[in-house]
Amino acid sequence: MNYDASFDHTRLNQLTEQLLSGTEISGEILFIADKEEIGILGAAWRFESEDIGILKDRNYKFMLMELLDSLIRYRASHKSTDSLCGVVRLEKSRADMQWLPEADVQRLRFAD
């Protein structure tokens, strides 16, 4: 099966629409992969405290981590890129994802 470059955005949008419809959440999730184990290593969630509560209540935090783990494995299996880390941004509950080298994610994590 060939690598589908739109797969990650399609799945992210499906998850976000399913779990966050009717909300106005904005923030970002910085995530890093374990390149040896090929999976999610950790994530930093940057949201207002009330939005974190909504994300937990709607199970978005758990489901997004599961999705990111799957997407990292998908990308690694296709050897499509060496970028297995990145950022998910929510802007009024609309999601966007950007894959980045780990060094860029670390710079974003410690910025501000």
C-alpha atoms as a PDB file:
ATOM      1  CA  MET A   1       0.000   0.000   0.000  1.00  0.00           C
ATOM      2  CA  ASN A   2       1.320   3.454  -0.920  1.00  0.00           C
ATOM      3  CA  TYR A   3       1.748   6.259   1.573  1.00  0.00           C
ATOM      4  CA  ASP A   4      -1.228   8.655   1.645  1.00  0.00           C
ATOM      5  CA  ALA A   5       0.011  12.134   2.597  1.00  0.00           C
ATOM      6  CA  SER A   6      -3.521  13.303   3.462  1.00  0.00           C
ATOM      7  CA  PHE A   7      -4.279  10.385   5.806  1.00  0.00           C
ATOM      8  CA  ASP A   8      -3.053  12.078   8.993  1.00  0.00           C
ATOM      9  CA  HIS A   9      -5.017  15.280   8.409  1.00  0.00           C
ATOM     10  CA  THR A  10      -8.152  13.354   7.473  1.00  0.00           C
ATOM     11  CA  ARG A  11      -8.054  11.253  10.652  1.00  0.00           C
ATOM     12  CA  LEU A  12      -7.225  14.272  12.838  1.00  0.00           C
ATOM     13  CA  ASN A  13     -10.161  16.222  11.409  1.00  0.00           C
ATOM     14  CA  GLN A  14     -12.532  13.269  11.893  1.00  0.00           C
ATOM     15  CA  LEU A  15     -11.506  12.876  15.533  1.00  0.00           C
ATOM     16  CA  THR A  16     -11.737  16.595  16.260  1.00  0.00           C
ATOM     17  CA  GLU A  17     -15.147  16.984  14.622  1.00  0.00           C
ATOM     18  CA  GLN A  18     -16.469  13.939  16.453  1.00  0.00           C
ATOM     19  CA  LEU A  19     -15.283  14.926  19.931  1.00  0.00           C
ATOM     20  CA  LEU A  20     -15.070  18.728  19.924  1.00  0.00           C
ATOM     21  CA  SER A  21     -18.037  19.864  17.864  1.00  0.00           C
ATOM     22  CA  GLY A  22     -19.836  22.730  19.550  1.00  0.00           C
ATOM     23  CA  THR A  23     -16.734  23.955  21.389  1.00  0.00           C
ATOM     24  CA  GLU A  24     -14.371  26.891  20.806  1.00  0.00           C
ATOM     25  CA  ILE A  25     -11.087  25.477  22.112  1.00  0.00           C
ATOM     26  CA  SER A  26      -7.747  26.954  21.040  1.00  0.00           C
ATOM     27  CA  GLY A  27      -4.235  25.831  21.929  1.00  0.00           C
ATOM     28  CA  GLU A  28      -1.542  23.422  20.852  1.00  0.00           C
ATOM     29  CA  ILE A  29      -0.123  20.001  21.551  1.00  0.00           C
ATOM     30  CA  LEU A  30       3.604  19.487  21.013  1.00  0.00           C
ATOM     31  CA  PHE A  31       4.461  15.808  20.623  1.00  0.00           C
ATOM     32  CA  ILE A  32       7.654  13.785  20.427  1.00  0.00           C
ATOM     33  CA  ALA A  33       8.133  10.237  19.167  1.00  0.00           C
ATOM     34  CA  ASP A  34      10.303   7.441  20.458  1.00  0.00           C
ATOM     35  CA  LYS A  35      12.285   6.638  17.321  1.00  0.00           C
ATOM     36  CA  GLU A  36      13.521   3.290  18.633  1.00  0.00           C
ATOM     37  CA  GLU A  37      10.143   1.964  19.786  1.00  0.00           C
ATOM     38  CA  ILE A  38       8.277   3.835  17.016  1.00  0.00           C
ATOM     39  CA  GLY A  39       5.476   5.420  18.989  1.00  0.00           C
ATOM     40  CA  ILE A  40       4.480   8.476  20.963  1.00  0.00           C
ATOM     41  CA  LEU A  41       6.928   9.325  23.740  1.00  0.00           C
ATOM     42  CA  GLY A  42       5.172  12.346  25.210  1.00  0.00           C
ATOM     43  CA  ALA A  43       3.240  15.526  24.631  1.00  0.00           C
ATOM     44  CA  ALA A  44       2.962  19.021  26.081  1.00  0.00           C
ATOM     45  CA  TRP A  45      -0.576  20.437  26.107  1.00  0.00           C
ATOM     46  CA  ARG A  46      -0.831  24.236  25.968  1.00  0.00           C
ATOM     47  CA  PHE A  47      -4.413  25.256  26.699  1.00  0.00           C
ATOM     48  CA  GLU A  48      -6.370  27.308  29.180  1.00  0.00           C
ATOM     49  CA  SER A  49      -7.273  25.262  32.267  1.00  0.00           C
ATOM     50  CA  GLU A  50     -11.006  25.200  31.471  1.00  0.00           C
ATOM     51  CA  ASP A  51     -10.230  23.905  27.970  1.00  0.00           C
ATOM     52  CA  ILE A  52      -8.053  21.129  29.434  1.00  0.00           C
ATOM     53  CA  GLY A  53     -11.106  20.041  31.431  1.00  0.00           C
ATOM     54  CA  ILE A  54     -13.228  19.883  28.284  1.00  0.00           C
ATOM     55  CA  LEU A  55     -10.514  17.964  26.417  1.00  0.00           C
ATOM     56  CA  LYS A  56     -10.385  15.405  29.238  1.00  0.00           C
ATOM     57  CA  ASP A  57     -14.172  15.176  29.654  1.00  0.00           C
ATOM     58  CA  ARG A  58     -14.698  14.572  25.951  1.00  0.00           C
ATOM     59  CA  ASN A  59     -11.870  12.002  25.909  1.00  0.00           C
ATOM     60  CA  TYR A  60      -9.976  14.036  23.295  1.00  0.00           C
ATOM     61  CA  LYS A  61      -6.664  13.852  25.154  1.00  0.00           C
ATOM     62  CA  PHE A  62      -6.668  10.056  25.273  1.00  0.00           C
ATOM     63  CA  MET A  63      -7.984   9.613  21.737  1.00  0.00           C
ATOM     64  CA  LEU A  64      -5.528  12.113  20.249  1.00  0.00           C
ATOM     65  CA  MET A  65      -2.582  10.373  21.914  1.00  0.00           C
ATOM     66  CA  GLU A  66      -3.782   7.054  20.477  1.00  0.00           C
ATOM     67  CA  LEU A  67      -4.159   8.645  17.039  1.00  0.00           C
ATOM     68  CA  LEU A  68      -0.701  10.246  17.168  1.00  0.00           C
ATOM     69  CA  ASP A  69       0.803   6.896  18.136  1.00  0.00           C
ATOM     70  CA  SER A  70      -0.881   5.257  15.137  1.00  0.00           C
ATOM     71  CA  LEU A  71       0.157   8.036  12.766  1.00  0.00           C
ATOM     72  CA  ILE A  72       3.775   7.847  13.917  1.00  0.00           C
ATOM     73  CA  ARG A  73       3.772   4.104  13.249  1.00  0.00           C
ATOM     74  CA  TYR A  74       2.102   4.648   9.863  1.00  0.00           C
ATOM     75  CA  ARG A  75       4.698   7.225   8.791  1.00  0.00           C
ATOM     76  CA  ALA A  76       7.581   5.105  10.039  1.00  0.00           C
ATOM     77  CA  SER A  77       6.325   1.993   8.252  1.00  0.00           C
ATOM     78  CA  HIS A  78       6.311   3.874   4.954  1.00  0.00           C
ATOM     79  CA  LYS A  79       9.657   5.537   5.635  1.00  0.00           C
ATOM     80  CA  SER A  80       7.999   8.643   4.195  1.00  0.00           C
ATOM     81  CA  THR A  81       9.903  11.067   6.350  1.00  0.00           C
ATOM     82  CA  ASP A  82      12.279  11.283   9.245  1.00  0.00           C
ATOM     83  CA  SER A  83       9.926  13.746  10.997  1.00  0.00           C
ATOM     84  CA  LEU A  84       7.933  11.759  13.534  1.00  0.00           C
ATOM     85  CA  CYS A  85       7.437  14.669  15.934  1.00  0.00           C
ATOM     86  CA  GLY A  86       5.305  17.753  15.561  1.00  0.00           C
ATOM     87  CA  VAL A  87       2.532  20.020  16.713  1.00  0.00           C
ATOM     88  CA  VAL A  88      -1.256  19.849  16.607  1.00  0.00           C
ATOM     89  CA  ARG A  89      -2.916  23.241  16.783  1.00  0.00           C
ATOM     90  CA  LEU A  90      -6.563  23.807  17.631  1.00  0.00           C
ATOM     91  CA  GLU A  91      -8.063  27.137  16.650  1.00  0.00           C
ATOM     92  CA  LYS A  92     -11.687  27.391  17.773  1.00  0.00           C
ATOM     93  CA  SER A  93     -11.813  23.586  17.675  1.00  0.00           C
ATOM     94  CA  ARG A  94     -10.475  23.343  14.119  1.00  0.00           C
ATOM     95  CA  ALA A  95      -7.373  21.169  13.991  1.00  0.00           C
ATOM     96  CA  ASP A  96      -4.161  21.451  12.008  1.00  0.00           C
ATOM     97  CA  MET A  97      -1.073  19.259  12.248  1.00  0.00           C
ATOM     98  CA  GLN A  98       2.507  19.956  11.292  1.00  0.00           C
ATOM     99  CA  TRP A  99       5.258  17.331  11.334  1.00  0.00           C
ATOM    100  CA  LEU A 100       8.577  18.746  12.511  1.00  0.00           C
ATOM    101  CA  PRO A 101      12.067  17.575  13.432  1.00  0.00           C
ATOM    102  CA  GLU A 102      12.435  16.902  17.159  1.00  0.00           C
ATOM    103  CA  ALA A 103      14.795  19.869  17.601  1.00  0.00           C
ATOM    104  CA  ASP A 104      12.099  22.235  16.288  1.00  0.00           C
ATOM    105  CA  VAL A 105       9.504  20.777  18.660  1.00  0.00           C
ATOM    106  CA  GLN A 106      11.905  21.191  21.588  1.00  0.00           C
ATOM    107  CA  ARG A 107      12.497  24.849  20.622  1.00  0.00           C
ATOM    108  CA  LEU A 108       8.715  25.444  20.516  1.00  0.00           C
ATOM    109  CA  ARG A 109       8.295  23.651  23.830  1.00  0.00           C
ATOM    110  CA  PHE A 110      10.709  25.917  25.642  1.00  0.00           C
ATOM    111  CA  ALA A 111       9.763  29.139  23.843  1.00  0.00           C
ATOM    112  CA  ASP A 112       7.826  31.816  25.746  1.00  0.00           C
END
